[in-house]
Amino acid sequence: MTSSHADPLDDALLIHLANQAAARYPFCQQARISLVTRSENATFLVETAVQRYALRIHRPDYHELVDIESELGWLEALQRDTDIPVPYPLEDCDGGRVLTLDVPGGGHRHAVLFYWLEGETPTACLDPLSFRQLGELTARLHQHSRNWLLPKRFRRITWNHTTMVGPEGRWGNWRDIPGLSSADIHLIAQAVQQAGLELSVYGMAAERYGLIHSDLRLANLIMHPSGTQIIDFDDCGFGWFMHDLAAAISFEEHHPAAPTWAQNWLDGYARVASLSAEDHAILPALFVQRRVQLTAWAGSHMQTDMVRSLGADWLEHTVRLCRRYLDGKSWPIGAG
C-alpha cells in the first residue's frame, strides 16, 4: 500500500489503541478485543459477557473529525426517521461518540464504537432475489437522503468523476496498478473519458445526485432472519444515486450472475421509487466508472487480504469490461 492510503501502524499498536478506546466505555471493562479486518480502517470485535460491539479505528489522511461526526449524524437521523437497520454509535464515559486516541510516539487516531449487528455477510453465492431487497432498501435510503435537511456543519466526501477515477482520485490512480500494458491503459482511459462525457450530460440535478452510501456491496451487508442490515457508512458522501447500484456488485462485476443481480436490484428499487429512462441509460457509464475506481483502490491497497483474494484474472476482466462498455452493445458487467 502507498503511504497515503494506509495506516502505518502495525497490528500490535492498533490493538493497543483498541484497548485504550475500550477503557473509555464503562460497559467494556474486561472485554475481549480481537482484530477483524484491516482495509481502509481497522475494525475490532469487542466482546463482553453480555454484548458484542464493533470498534472502528480510522486511518489517517482520510476523514477529519467533522466528517466522522457527519456520518454519525446521518446514522442518527436514519435511526430516528426510518426503520432501515443501520449501525448505532455509542457514547463514551464523557458523552462523546468520536474518540481521539493518542498514538505512542506522536499523532492520533479517531475511533467509534458501534453495537455489533448479528447475522452473516453474504457472498456471491447468494440468492439473486436478495438483490431485490437491497434495491428496496437503497431506494428508501435515497428517499431519506432527498428529504433530510442537512445540519449546518455537515461535511462528507464528494464523489464525482475526478475524485473517483482521476489521476488524483481519492482511492489512488488506476494507472498505478501493476499488470496493465500500455494498450490496456489506453483502452481504460478511453472508457473513463467516455463515461465522464456521459455523466457530464446526465448531470448532478438533485433528483440524480445527493447523499448516498456509495459502498453498498456484499461485504457491507449483514443478512439476518429479520432482514438485510446495512453497515459501514465510512464512504458515504455526495454522489450519483444510481452509483449505489454499481457499488452493489463491487469487485464482482465480471461474475456471470451480475446482470441478474443488477436487474433484481432495479426491480426492487422500482417497488419504492420510480427511475427515469435517463437513470437506466447512465448505468453502463456508472458500472465501468466503479470498476475502474476499484482498480485504483486495488492498486493502492495491494497488501490487503481483499486485494490478494481477487484472483489473477481480475485485472483482465477489468480490461474486458471496459472494452465491452466502449462497444456499447450491452451492460459492461457479467461473463465474457
C-alpha atoms as a PDB file:
ATOM      1  CA  MET A   1       0.000   0.000   0.000  1.00  0.00           C
ATOM      2  CA  THR A   2       1.174   3.538  -0.590  1.00  0.00           C
ATOM      3  CA  SER A   3       1.725   5.695   2.457  1.00  0.00           C
ATOM      4  CA  SER A   4      -1.190   7.991   1.647  1.00  0.00           C
ATOM      5  CA  HIS A   5      -3.655   5.075   1.550  1.00  0.00           C
ATOM      6  CA  ALA A   6      -2.514   3.033   4.528  1.00  0.00           C
ATOM      7  CA  ASP A   7      -2.218   3.252   8.269  1.00  0.00           C
ATOM      8  CA  PRO A   8       1.493   2.724   9.016  1.00  0.00           C
ATOM      9  CA  LEU A   9       0.756   1.331  12.476  1.00  0.00           C
ATOM     10  CA  ASP A  10       1.264  -2.408  12.918  1.00  0.00           C
ATOM     11  CA  ASP A  11      -1.408  -4.710  14.333  1.00  0.00           C
ATOM     12  CA  ALA A  12       0.108  -4.728  17.825  1.00  0.00           C
ATOM     13  CA  LEU A  13      -0.049  -0.941  18.119  1.00  0.00           C
ATOM     14  CA  LEU A  14      -3.587  -0.849  16.735  1.00  0.00           C
ATOM     15  CA  ILE A  15      -4.644  -3.441  19.313  1.00  0.00           C
ATOM     16  CA  HIS A  16      -3.049  -1.232  21.979  1.00  0.00           C
ATOM     17  CA  LEU A  17      -5.190   1.669  20.739  1.00  0.00           C
ATOM     18  CA  ALA A  18      -8.281  -0.558  20.696  1.00  0.00           C
ATOM     19  CA  ASN A  19      -7.738  -1.406  24.354  1.00  0.00           C
ATOM     20  CA  GLN A  20      -7.202   2.270  25.100  1.00  0.00           C
ATOM     21  CA  ALA A  21     -10.520   3.036  23.393  1.00  0.00           C
ATOM     22  CA  ALA A  22     -12.461   0.253  25.166  1.00  0.00           C
ATOM     23  CA  ALA A  23     -11.321   1.629  28.518  1.00  0.00           C
ATOM     24  CA  ARG A  24     -13.360   4.764  27.768  1.00  0.00           C
ATOM     25  CA  TYR A  25     -16.614   2.758  27.912  1.00  0.00           C
ATOM     26  CA  PRO A  26     -17.658   1.548  31.389  1.00  0.00           C
ATOM     27  CA  PHE A  27     -19.596  -1.345  29.880  1.00  0.00           C
ATOM     28  CA  CYS A  28     -16.488  -2.594  28.028  1.00  0.00           C
ATOM     29  CA  GLN A  29     -14.334  -3.227  31.077  1.00  0.00           C
ATOM     30  CA  GLN A  30     -12.715  -6.676  30.915  1.00  0.00           C
ATOM     31  CA  ALA A  31     -13.845  -7.045  27.302  1.00  0.00           C
ATOM     32  CA  ARG A  32     -12.084  -9.386  24.909  1.00  0.00           C
ATOM     33  CA  ILE A  33     -10.813  -7.499  21.866  1.00  0.00           C
ATOM     34  CA  SER A  34      -9.819  -9.053  18.546  1.00  0.00           C
ATOM     35  CA  LEU A  35      -8.889  -7.591  15.168  1.00  0.00           C
ATOM     36  CA  VAL A  36     -11.467  -8.456  12.500  1.00  0.00           C
ATOM     37  CA  THR A  37     -10.118  -6.729   9.417  1.00  0.00           C
ATOM     38  CA  ARG A  38      -7.822  -4.014   8.109  1.00  0.00           C
ATOM     39  CA  SER A  39      -8.940  -2.289   4.952  1.00  0.00           C
ATOM     40  CA  GLU A  40      -9.479   1.460   4.840  1.00  0.00           C
ATOM     41  CA  ASN A  41      -9.699   1.369   8.638  1.00  0.00           C
ATOM     42  CA  ALA A  42      -9.102  -1.221  11.342  1.00  0.00           C
ATOM     43  CA  THR A  43     -12.208  -2.956  12.733  1.00  0.00           C
ATOM     44  CA  PHE A  44     -12.232  -4.821  16.041  1.00  0.00           C
ATOM     45  CA  LEU A  45     -14.715  -7.119  17.722  1.00  0.00           C
ATOM     46  CA  VAL A  46     -15.210  -6.099  21.356  1.00  0.00           C
ATOM     47  CA  GLU A  47     -16.883  -8.866  23.380  1.00  0.00           C
ATOM     48  CA  THR A  48     -18.227  -8.541  26.904  1.00  0.00           C
ATOM     49  CA  ALA A  49     -20.133 -11.115  28.927  1.00  0.00           C
ATOM     50  CA  VAL A  50     -23.457  -9.722  27.698  1.00  0.00           C
ATOM     51  CA  GLN A  51     -22.901  -7.815  24.448  1.00  0.00           C
ATOM     52  CA  ARG A  52     -20.734  -7.541  21.336  1.00  0.00           C
ATOM     53  CA  TYR A  53     -19.550  -4.305  19.748  1.00  0.00           C
ATOM     54  CA  ALA A  54     -17.667  -3.189  16.644  1.00  0.00           C
ATOM     55  CA  LEU A  55     -14.823  -0.730  17.191  1.00  0.00           C
ATOM     56  CA  ARG A  56     -13.585   1.186  14.159  1.00  0.00           C
ATOM     57  CA  ILE A  57     -10.208   2.921  14.297  1.00  0.00           C
ATOM     58  CA  HIS A  58      -9.829   5.355  11.417  1.00  0.00           C
ATOM     59  CA  ARG A  59      -6.664   5.540   9.378  1.00  0.00           C
ATOM     60  CA  PRO A  60      -5.027   8.947   8.938  1.00  0.00           C
ATOM     61  CA  ASP A  61      -5.438  11.170   5.865  1.00  0.00           C
ATOM     62  CA  TYR A  62      -8.972  10.046   5.033  1.00  0.00           C
ATOM     63  CA  HIS A  63     -11.542  11.645   7.350  1.00  0.00           C
ATOM     64  CA  GLU A  64     -11.280  14.561   9.739  1.00  0.00           C
ATOM     65  CA  LEU A  65     -13.369  14.801  12.895  1.00  0.00           C
ATOM     66  CA  VAL A  66     -16.167  16.836  11.273  1.00  0.00           C
ATOM     67  CA  ASP A  67     -16.526  14.209   8.514  1.00  0.00           C
ATOM     68  CA  ILE A  68     -16.883  11.356  11.001  1.00  0.00           C
ATOM     69  CA  GLU A  69     -19.369  13.318  13.101  1.00  0.00           C
ATOM     70  CA  SER A  70     -21.368  13.997   9.936  1.00  0.00           C
ATOM     71  CA  GLU A  71     -21.529  10.286   9.126  1.00  0.00           C
ATOM     72  CA  LEU A  72     -22.832   9.584  12.633  1.00  0.00           C
ATOM     73  CA  GLY A  73     -25.335  12.414  12.218  1.00  0.00           C
ATOM     74  CA  TRP A  74     -26.845  10.676   9.191  1.00  0.00           C
ATOM     75  CA  LEU A  75     -26.948   7.347  11.041  1.00  0.00           C
ATOM     76  CA  GLU A  76     -28.745   9.055  13.920  1.00  0.00           C
ATOM     77  CA  ALA A  77     -31.272  10.591  11.507  1.00  0.00           C
ATOM     78  CA  LEU A  78     -31.864   7.237   9.801  1.00  0.00           C
ATOM     79  CA  GLN A  79     -32.497   5.585  13.163  1.00  0.00           C
ATOM     80  CA  ARG A  80     -34.879   8.370  14.158  1.00  0.00           C
ATOM     81  CA  ASP A  81     -36.761   8.750  10.879  1.00  0.00           C
ATOM     82  CA  THR A  82     -36.817   5.245   9.361  1.00  0.00           C
ATOM     83  CA  ASP A  83     -36.772   1.555  10.210  1.00  0.00           C
ATOM     84  CA  ILE A  84     -33.737   0.910   7.991  1.00  0.00           C
ATOM     85  CA  PRO A  85     -31.378  -1.228  10.120  1.00  0.00           C
ATOM     86  CA  VAL A  86     -28.049   0.637  10.396  1.00  0.00           C
ATOM     87  CA  PRO A  87     -25.212   0.687  12.980  1.00  0.00           C
ATOM     88  CA  TYR A  88     -25.798   2.524  16.245  1.00  0.00           C
ATOM     89  CA  PRO A  89     -22.824   4.534  17.619  1.00  0.00           C
ATOM     90  CA  LEU A  90     -22.320   4.565  21.373  1.00  0.00           C
ATOM     91  CA  GLU A  91     -21.209   7.340  23.712  1.00  0.00           C
ATOM     92  CA  ASP A  92     -18.126   7.034  25.890  1.00  0.00           C
ATOM     93  CA  CYS A  93     -17.873   7.973  29.570  1.00  0.00           C
ATOM     94  CA  ASP A  94     -17.730  11.673  28.636  1.00  0.00           C
ATOM     95  CA  GLY A  95     -20.720  11.552  26.300  1.00  0.00           C
ATOM     96  CA  GLY A  96     -18.692  11.675  23.094  1.00  0.00           C
ATOM     97  CA  ARG A  97     -19.238   9.413  20.076  1.00  0.00           C
ATOM     98  CA  VAL A  98     -15.899  10.003  18.342  1.00  0.00           C
ATOM     99  CA  LEU A  99     -12.804   9.249  20.401  1.00  0.00           C
ATOM    100  CA  THR A 100      -9.414  10.808  19.704  1.00  0.00           C
ATOM    101  CA  LEU A 101      -6.645   8.422  20.732  1.00  0.00           C
ATOM    102  CA  ASP A 102      -3.019   9.452  21.206  1.00  0.00           C
ATOM    103  CA  VAL A 103      -0.545   7.288  19.326  1.00  0.00           C
ATOM    104  CA  PRO A 104       2.669   6.448  21.181  1.00  0.00           C
ATOM    105  CA  GLY A 105       5.444   8.404  19.524  1.00  0.00           C
ATOM    106  CA  GLY A 106       3.114  11.094  18.163  1.00  0.00           C
ATOM    107  CA  GLY A 107      -0.070  11.570  16.194  1.00  0.00           C
ATOM    108  CA  HIS A 108      -3.621  10.442  16.893  1.00  0.00           C
ATOM    109  CA  ARG A 109      -6.403   8.241  15.578  1.00  0.00           C
ATOM    110  CA  HIS A 110     -10.166   8.692  15.728  1.00  0.00           C
ATOM    111  CA  ALA A 111     -12.329   5.783  16.833  1.00  0.00           C
ATOM    112  CA  VAL A 112     -16.042   4.964  17.063  1.00  0.00           C
ATOM    113  CA  LEU A 113     -17.794   2.123  18.887  1.00  0.00           C
ATOM    114  CA  PHE A 114     -20.985   0.616  17.427  1.00  0.00           C
ATOM    115  CA  TYR A 115     -23.324  -2.137  18.504  1.00  0.00           C
ATOM    116  CA  TRP A 116     -22.418  -5.325  16.671  1.00  0.00           C
ATOM    117  CA  LEU A 117     -25.094  -6.293  14.146  1.00  0.00           C
ATOM    118  CA  GLU A 118     -25.719 -10.034  14.279  1.00  0.00           C
ATOM    119  CA  GLY A 119     -26.016 -12.074  11.111  1.00  0.00           C
ATOM    120  CA  GLU A 120     -23.982 -13.320   8.172  1.00  0.00           C
ATOM    121  CA  THR A 121     -22.110 -11.448   5.449  1.00  0.00           C
ATOM    122  CA  PRO A 122     -23.392 -12.648   2.047  1.00  0.00           C
ATOM    123  CA  THR A 123     -21.166 -13.966  -0.711  1.00  0.00           C
ATOM    124  CA  ALA A 124     -21.518 -14.149  -4.488  1.00  0.00           C
ATOM    125  CA  CYS A 125     -23.352 -17.462  -3.964  1.00  0.00           C
ATOM    126  CA  LEU A 126     -26.396 -15.710  -2.502  1.00  0.00           C
ATOM    127  CA  ASP A 127     -29.885 -15.989  -3.971  1.00  0.00           C
ATOM    128  CA  PRO A 128     -30.097 -13.358  -6.760  1.00  0.00           C
ATOM    129  CA  LEU A 129     -33.523 -12.374  -5.419  1.00  0.00           C
ATOM    130  CA  SER A 130     -31.732 -10.940  -2.363  1.00  0.00           C
ATOM    131  CA  PHE A 131     -30.772  -8.036  -4.576  1.00  0.00           C
ATOM    132  CA  ARG A 132     -34.445  -7.075  -4.807  1.00  0.00           C
ATOM    133  CA  GLN A 133     -34.480  -6.455  -1.081  1.00  0.00           C
ATOM    134  CA  LEU A 134     -31.250  -4.486  -1.391  1.00  0.00           C
ATOM    135  CA  GLY A 135     -32.780  -2.393  -4.163  1.00  0.00           C
ATOM    136  CA  GLU A 136     -35.789  -1.624  -1.960  1.00  0.00           C
ATOM    137  CA  LEU A 137     -33.550  -0.707   0.986  1.00  0.00           C
ATOM    138  CA  THR A 138     -31.445   1.546  -1.207  1.00  0.00           C
ATOM    139  CA  ALA A 139     -34.495   3.347  -2.578  1.00  0.00           C
ATOM    140  CA  ARG A 140     -35.670   4.021   0.975  1.00  0.00           C
ATOM    141  CA  LEU A 141     -32.203   5.260   1.878  1.00  0.00           C
ATOM    142  CA  HIS A 142     -32.313   7.629  -1.097  1.00  0.00           C
ATOM    143  CA  GLN A 143     -35.773   8.856  -0.136  1.00  0.00           C
ATOM    144  CA  HIS A 144     -34.471   9.805   3.285  1.00  0.00           C
ATOM    145  CA  SER A 145     -31.425  11.488   1.771  1.00  0.00           C
ATOM    146  CA  ARG A 146     -33.530  13.614  -0.558  1.00  0.00           C
ATOM    147  CA  ASN A 147     -35.862  14.735   2.243  1.00  0.00           C
ATOM    148  CA  TRP A 148     -33.335  15.221   5.062  1.00  0.00           C
ATOM    149  CA  LEU A 149     -32.284  18.782   5.870  1.00  0.00           C
ATOM    150  CA  LEU A 150     -28.511  18.597   6.291  1.00  0.00           C
ATOM    151  CA  PRO A 151     -27.083  20.038   9.525  1.00  0.00           C
ATOM    152  CA  LYS A 152     -25.028  23.220   9.162  1.00  0.00           C
ATOM    153  CA  ARG A 153     -21.673  21.555   9.897  1.00  0.00           C
ATOM    154  CA  PHE A 154     -22.349  18.517   7.730  1.00  0.00           C
ATOM    155  CA  ARG A 155     -19.379  17.563   5.534  1.00  0.00           C
ATOM    156  CA  ARG A 156     -18.785  14.362   3.602  1.00  0.00           C
ATOM    157  CA  ILE A 157     -16.831  13.158   0.590  1.00  0.00           C
ATOM    158  CA  THR A 158     -17.745  14.494  -2.837  1.00  0.00           C
ATOM    159  CA  TRP A 159     -17.799  11.563  -5.249  1.00  0.00           C
ATOM    160  CA  ASN A 160     -17.543  12.912  -8.781  1.00  0.00           C
ATOM    161  CA  HIS A 161     -15.753  11.608 -11.873  1.00  0.00           C
ATOM    162  CA  THR A 162     -12.482  13.308 -10.945  1.00  0.00           C
ATOM    163  CA  THR A 163     -12.385  12.179  -7.309  1.00  0.00           C
ATOM    164  CA  MET A 164     -13.311   8.649  -8.328  1.00  0.00           C
ATOM    165  CA  VAL A 165     -11.179   7.895 -11.394  1.00  0.00           C
ATOM    166  CA  GLY A 166      -8.984  10.946 -11.946  1.00  0.00           C
ATOM    167  CA  PRO A 167      -5.181  10.854 -11.534  1.00  0.00           C
ATOM    168  CA  GLU A 168      -5.555  12.285  -8.023  1.00  0.00           C
ATOM    169  CA  GLY A 169      -8.560  10.122  -7.166  1.00  0.00           C
ATOM    170  CA  ARG A 170      -9.420   9.589  -3.538  1.00  0.00           C
ATOM    171  CA  TRP A 171      -8.610   5.869  -3.791  1.00  0.00           C
ATOM    172  CA  GLY A 172      -5.496   6.333  -5.898  1.00  0.00           C
ATOM    173  CA  ASN A 173      -4.634   6.346  -9.599  1.00  0.00           C
ATOM    174  CA  TRP A 174      -5.832   3.283 -11.506  1.00  0.00           C
ATOM    175  CA  ARG A 175      -2.811   3.592 -13.807  1.00  0.00           C
ATOM    176  CA  ASP A 176      -0.550   2.634 -10.884  1.00  0.00           C
ATOM    177  CA  ILE A 177      -1.849  -0.918 -10.516  1.00  0.00           C
ATOM    178  CA  PRO A 178       0.779  -3.452 -11.652  1.00  0.00           C
ATOM    179  CA  GLY A 179      -0.025  -5.624 -14.663  1.00  0.00           C
ATOM    180  CA  LEU A 180      -1.536  -3.159 -17.132  1.00  0.00           C
ATOM    181  CA  SER A 181       0.043  -2.949 -20.574  1.00  0.00           C
ATOM    182  CA  SER A 182       0.233   0.330 -22.480  1.00  0.00           C
ATOM    183  CA  ALA A 183      -2.633  -0.924 -24.670  1.00  0.00           C
ATOM    184  CA  ASP A 184      -4.694  -1.716 -21.558  1.00  0.00           C
ATOM    185  CA  ILE A 185      -4.057   1.751 -20.142  1.00  0.00           C
ATOM    186  CA  HIS A 186      -5.091   3.362 -23.428  1.00  0.00           C
ATOM    187  CA  LEU A 187      -8.327   1.343 -23.577  1.00  0.00           C
ATOM    188  CA  ILE A 188      -9.273   2.040 -19.947  1.00  0.00           C
ATOM    189  CA  ALA A 189      -8.501   5.734 -20.438  1.00  0.00           C
ATOM    190  CA  GLN A 190     -10.902   5.766 -23.403  1.00  0.00           C
ATOM    191  CA  ALA A 191     -13.608   4.171 -21.267  1.00  0.00           C
ATOM    192  CA  VAL A 192     -13.004   6.640 -18.431  1.00  0.00           C
ATOM    193  CA  GLN A 193     -13.197   9.576 -20.827  1.00  0.00           C
ATOM    194  CA  GLN A 194     -16.409   8.298 -22.428  1.00  0.00           C
ATOM    195  CA  ALA A 195     -18.031   7.672 -19.031  1.00  0.00           C
ATOM    196  CA  GLY A 196     -17.066  11.170 -17.943  1.00  0.00           C
ATOM    197  CA  LEU A 197     -18.699  12.687 -21.007  1.00  0.00           C
ATOM    198  CA  GLU A 198     -21.918  10.718 -20.439  1.00  0.00           C
ATOM    199  CA  LEU A 199     -22.051  11.662 -16.769  1.00  0.00           C
ATOM    200  CA  SER A 200     -21.482  15.303 -17.622  1.00  0.00           C
ATOM    201  CA  VAL A 201     -24.558  15.215 -19.851  1.00  0.00           C
ATOM    202  CA  TYR A 202     -26.540  13.264 -17.234  1.00  0.00           C
ATOM    203  CA  GLY A 203     -25.694  15.962 -14.720  1.00  0.00           C
ATOM    204  CA  MET A 204     -25.963  16.428 -10.982  1.00  0.00           C
ATOM    205  CA  ALA A 205     -29.520  17.652 -10.516  1.00  0.00           C
ATOM    206  CA  ALA A 206     -30.950  16.984  -7.055  1.00  0.00           C
ATOM    207  CA  GLU A 207     -33.076  14.075  -8.282  1.00  0.00           C
ATOM    208  CA  ARG A 208     -29.943  12.354  -9.636  1.00  0.00           C
ATOM    209  CA  TYR A 209     -27.162  13.336  -7.249  1.00  0.00           C
ATOM    210  CA  GLY A 210     -27.092  13.597  -3.460  1.00  0.00           C
ATOM    211  CA  LEU A 211     -26.055  11.913  -0.228  1.00  0.00           C
ATOM    212  CA  ILE A 212     -25.526   8.167  -0.799  1.00  0.00           C
ATOM    213  CA  HIS A 213     -23.933   5.220   0.992  1.00  0.00           C
ATOM    214  CA  SER A 214     -21.593   4.775  -2.014  1.00  0.00           C
ATOM    215  CA  ASP A 215     -20.258   1.360  -0.929  1.00  0.00           C
ATOM    216  CA  LEU A 216     -23.353  -0.847  -0.647  1.00  0.00           C
ATOM    217  CA  ARG A 217     -21.531  -4.010  -1.687  1.00  0.00           C
ATOM    218  CA  LEU A 218     -21.989  -7.516  -0.291  1.00  0.00           C
ATOM    219  CA  ALA A 219     -19.260  -7.082   2.341  1.00  0.00           C
ATOM    220  CA  ASN A 220     -21.218  -4.181   3.847  1.00  0.00           C
ATOM    221  CA  LEU A 221     -24.455  -6.104   4.278  1.00  0.00           C
ATOM    222  CA  ILE A 222     -25.464  -8.323   7.183  1.00  0.00           C
ATOM    223  CA  MET A 223     -28.094 -10.951   6.416  1.00  0.00           C
ATOM    224  CA  HIS A 224     -30.383 -11.713   9.348  1.00  0.00           C
ATOM    225  CA  PRO A 225     -33.695 -13.594   9.561  1.00  0.00           C
ATOM    226  CA  SER A 226     -35.349 -10.245  10.266  1.00  0.00           C
ATOM    227  CA  GLY A 227     -33.964  -8.746   7.037  1.00  0.00           C
ATOM    228  CA  THR A 228     -30.902  -7.206   5.423  1.00  0.00           C
ATOM    229  CA  GLN A 229     -28.889  -4.772   7.537  1.00  0.00           C
ATOM    230  CA  ILE A 230     -26.563  -2.076   6.172  1.00  0.00           C
ATOM    231  CA  ILE A 231     -23.179  -1.378   7.750  1.00  0.00           C
ATOM    232  CA  ASP A 232     -20.052   0.714   7.103  1.00  0.00           C
ATOM    233  CA  PHE A 233     -21.122   4.219   6.125  1.00  0.00           C
ATOM    234  CA  ASP A 234     -17.464   5.275   6.196  1.00  0.00           C
ATOM    235  CA  ASP A 235     -17.527   6.172   2.482  1.00  0.00           C
ATOM    236  CA  CYS A 236     -20.938   7.838   2.455  1.00  0.00           C
ATOM    237  CA  GLY A 237     -20.887  11.114   0.595  1.00  0.00           C
ATOM    238  CA  PHE A 238     -22.343  13.066  -2.277  1.00  0.00           C
ATOM    239  CA  GLY A 239     -22.616  11.095  -5.494  1.00  0.00           C
ATOM    240  CA  TRP A 240     -24.984   9.834  -8.160  1.00  0.00           C
ATOM    241  CA  PHE A 241     -27.863   7.873  -6.623  1.00  0.00           C
ATOM    242  CA  MET A 242     -27.521   5.197  -9.285  1.00  0.00           C
ATOM    243  CA  HIS A 243     -23.909   4.698  -8.239  1.00  0.00           C
ATOM    244  CA  ASP A 244     -25.274   2.670  -5.333  1.00  0.00           C
ATOM    245  CA  LEU A 245     -26.303   0.005  -7.866  1.00  0.00           C
ATOM    246  CA  ALA A 246     -22.809  -0.039  -9.383  1.00  0.00           C
ATOM    247  CA  ALA A 247     -21.407  -0.318  -5.862  1.00  0.00           C
ATOM    248  CA  ALA A 248     -23.731  -3.224  -5.055  1.00  0.00           C
ATOM    249  CA  ILE A 249     -21.768  -5.535  -7.364  1.00  0.00           C
ATOM    250  CA  SER A 250     -18.327  -4.191  -6.416  1.00  0.00           C
ATOM    251  CA  PHE A 251     -15.407  -6.493  -7.261  1.00  0.00           C
ATOM    252  CA  GLU A 252     -17.900  -8.951  -8.810  1.00  0.00           C
ATOM    253  CA  GLU A 253     -18.840  -7.025 -11.950  1.00  0.00           C
ATOM    254  CA  HIS A 254     -17.418  -9.864 -14.064  1.00  0.00           C
ATOM    255  CA  HIS A 255     -19.481 -12.555 -12.289  1.00  0.00           C
ATOM    256  CA  PRO A 256     -21.852 -14.429 -14.665  1.00  0.00           C
ATOM    257  CA  ALA A 257     -24.798 -13.563 -12.409  1.00  0.00           C
ATOM    258  CA  ALA A 258     -24.018  -9.826 -12.235  1.00  0.00           C
ATOM    259  CA  PRO A 259     -26.624  -8.804 -14.862  1.00  0.00           C
ATOM    260  CA  THR A 260     -29.275 -10.800 -12.984  1.00  0.00           C
ATOM    261  CA  TRP A 261     -28.245  -9.167  -9.711  1.00  0.00           C
ATOM    262  CA  ALA A 262     -28.494  -5.719 -11.275  1.00  0.00           C
ATOM    263  CA  GLN A 263     -31.923  -6.384 -12.764  1.00  0.00           C
ATOM    264  CA  ASN A 264     -33.241  -7.674  -9.454  1.00  0.00           C
ATOM    265  CA  TRP A 265     -31.861  -4.577  -7.726  1.00  0.00           C
ATOM    266  CA  LEU A 266     -33.691  -2.378 -10.232  1.00  0.00           C
ATOM    267  CA  ASP A 267     -36.905  -4.355  -9.759  1.00  0.00           C
ATOM    268  CA  GLY A 268     -36.674  -3.905  -6.002  1.00  0.00           C
ATOM    269  CA  TYR A 269     -35.868  -0.213  -6.295  1.00  0.00           C
ATOM    270  CA  ALA A 270     -38.885   0.328  -8.567  1.00  0.00           C
ATOM    271  CA  ARG A 271     -41.181  -1.012  -5.830  1.00  0.00           C
ATOM    272  CA  VAL A 272     -40.314   2.090  -3.781  1.00  0.00           C
ATOM    273  CA  ALA A 273     -39.289   4.831  -6.218  1.00  0.00           C
ATOM    274  CA  SER A 274     -39.521   5.372  -9.955  1.00  0.00           C
ATOM    275  CA  LEU A 275     -36.484   5.594 -12.226  1.00  0.00           C
ATOM    276  CA  SER A 276     -36.332   7.573 -15.459  1.00  0.00           C
ATOM    277  CA  ALA A 277     -35.142   6.378 -18.837  1.00  0.00           C
ATOM    278  CA  GLU A 278     -32.053   8.539 -18.278  1.00  0.00           C
ATOM    279  CA  ASP A 279     -31.359   6.748 -14.971  1.00  0.00           C
ATOM    280  CA  HIS A 280     -31.370   3.414 -16.791  1.00  0.00           C
ATOM    281  CA  ALA A 281     -29.316   4.726 -19.687  1.00  0.00           C
ATOM    282  CA  ILE A 282     -26.492   6.012 -17.465  1.00  0.00           C
ATOM    283  CA  LEU A 283     -25.906   2.632 -15.798  1.00  0.00           C
ATOM    284  CA  PRO A 284     -23.194   1.388 -18.225  1.00  0.00           C
ATOM    285  CA  ALA A 285     -21.110   4.515 -17.526  1.00  0.00           C
ATOM    286  CA  LEU A 286     -21.547   4.052 -13.771  1.00  0.00           C
ATOM    287  CA  PHE A 287     -20.713   0.339 -13.933  1.00  0.00           C
ATOM    288  CA  VAL A 288     -17.428   0.972 -15.735  1.00  0.00           C
ATOM    289  CA  GLN A 289     -16.609   4.008 -13.594  1.00  0.00           C
ATOM    290  CA  ARG A 290     -16.995   1.936 -10.440  1.00  0.00           C
ATOM    291  CA  ARG A 291     -14.879  -0.913 -11.792  1.00  0.00           C
ATOM    292  CA  VAL A 292     -12.071   1.498 -12.664  1.00  0.00           C
ATOM    293  CA  GLN A 293     -12.413   3.166  -9.255  1.00  0.00           C
ATOM    294  CA  LEU A 294     -11.989  -0.249  -7.637  1.00  0.00           C
ATOM    295  CA  THR A 295      -8.960  -0.845  -9.849  1.00  0.00           C
ATOM    296  CA  ALA A 296      -7.437   2.312  -8.386  1.00  0.00           C
ATOM    297  CA  TRP A 297      -8.289   1.072  -4.888  1.00  0.00           C
ATOM    298  CA  ALA A 298      -6.698  -2.303  -5.574  1.00  0.00           C
ATOM    299  CA  GLY A 299      -3.547  -0.607  -6.798  1.00  0.00           C
ATOM    300  CA  SER A 300      -3.222   1.467  -3.638  1.00  0.00           C
ATOM    301  CA  HIS A 301      -4.124  -1.406  -1.283  1.00  0.00           C
ATOM    302  CA  MET A 302      -2.051  -4.250  -2.706  1.00  0.00           C
ATOM    303  CA  GLN A 303      -1.145  -5.615   0.741  1.00  0.00           C
ATOM    304  CA  THR A 304      -4.719  -6.112   1.938  1.00  0.00           C
ATOM    305  CA  ASP A 305      -6.374  -9.512   2.139  1.00  0.00           C
ATOM    306  CA  MET A 306      -9.175  -8.183  -0.073  1.00  0.00           C
ATOM    307  CA  VAL A 307      -6.835  -7.448  -2.978  1.00  0.00           C
ATOM    308  CA  ARG A 308      -4.958 -10.732  -2.527  1.00  0.00           C
ATOM    309  CA  SER A 309      -8.267 -12.585  -2.832  1.00  0.00           C
ATOM    310  CA  LEU A 310      -9.291 -11.037  -6.154  1.00  0.00           C
ATOM    311  CA  GLY A 311      -7.517 -13.619  -8.305  1.00  0.00           C
ATOM    312  CA  ALA A 312      -5.013 -13.436 -11.130  1.00  0.00           C
ATOM    313  CA  ASP A 313      -7.622 -12.702 -13.826  1.00  0.00           C
ATOM    314  CA  TRP A 314      -9.427  -9.856 -12.039  1.00  0.00           C
ATOM    315  CA  LEU A 315      -7.471  -7.186 -13.884  1.00  0.00           C
ATOM    316  CA  GLU A 316      -8.031  -8.939 -17.208  1.00  0.00           C
ATOM    317  CA  HIS A 317     -11.762  -8.787 -16.551  1.00  0.00           C
ATOM    318  CA  THR A 318     -11.459  -5.046 -15.854  1.00  0.00           C
ATOM    319  CA  VAL A 319      -9.960  -4.510 -19.301  1.00  0.00           C
ATOM    320  CA  ARG A 320     -12.587  -6.771 -20.904  1.00  0.00           C
ATOM    321  CA  LEU A 321     -15.458  -4.884 -19.254  1.00  0.00           C
ATOM    322  CA  CYS A 322     -14.038  -1.541 -20.390  1.00  0.00           C
ATOM    323  CA  ARG A 323     -13.864  -2.905 -23.939  1.00  0.00           C
ATOM    324  CA  ARG A 324     -17.486  -4.077 -23.714  1.00  0.00           C
ATOM    325  CA  TYR A 325     -18.527  -0.631 -22.500  1.00  0.00           C
ATOM    326  CA  LEU A 326     -16.860   1.031 -25.473  1.00  0.00           C
ATOM    327  CA  ASP A 327     -18.570  -1.458 -27.814  1.00  0.00           C
ATOM    328  CA  GLY A 328     -21.873  -0.165 -26.431  1.00  0.00           C
ATOM    329  CA  LYS A 329     -23.815  -3.344 -27.102  1.00  0.00           C
ATOM    330  CA  SER A 330     -24.600  -4.480 -23.552  1.00  0.00           C
ATOM    331  CA  TRP A 331     -24.021  -3.660 -19.900  1.00  0.00           C
ATOM    332  CA  PRO A 332     -20.291  -3.836 -19.043  1.00  0.00           C
ATOM    333  CA  ILE A 333     -20.917  -6.489 -16.416  1.00  0.00           C
ATOM    334  CA  GLY A 334     -21.137 -10.268 -16.478  1.00  0.00           C
ATOM    335  CA  ALA A 335     -19.105 -13.037 -18.067  1.00  0.00           C
ATOM    336  CA  GLY A 336     -17.408 -12.887 -21.456  1.00  0.00           C
END
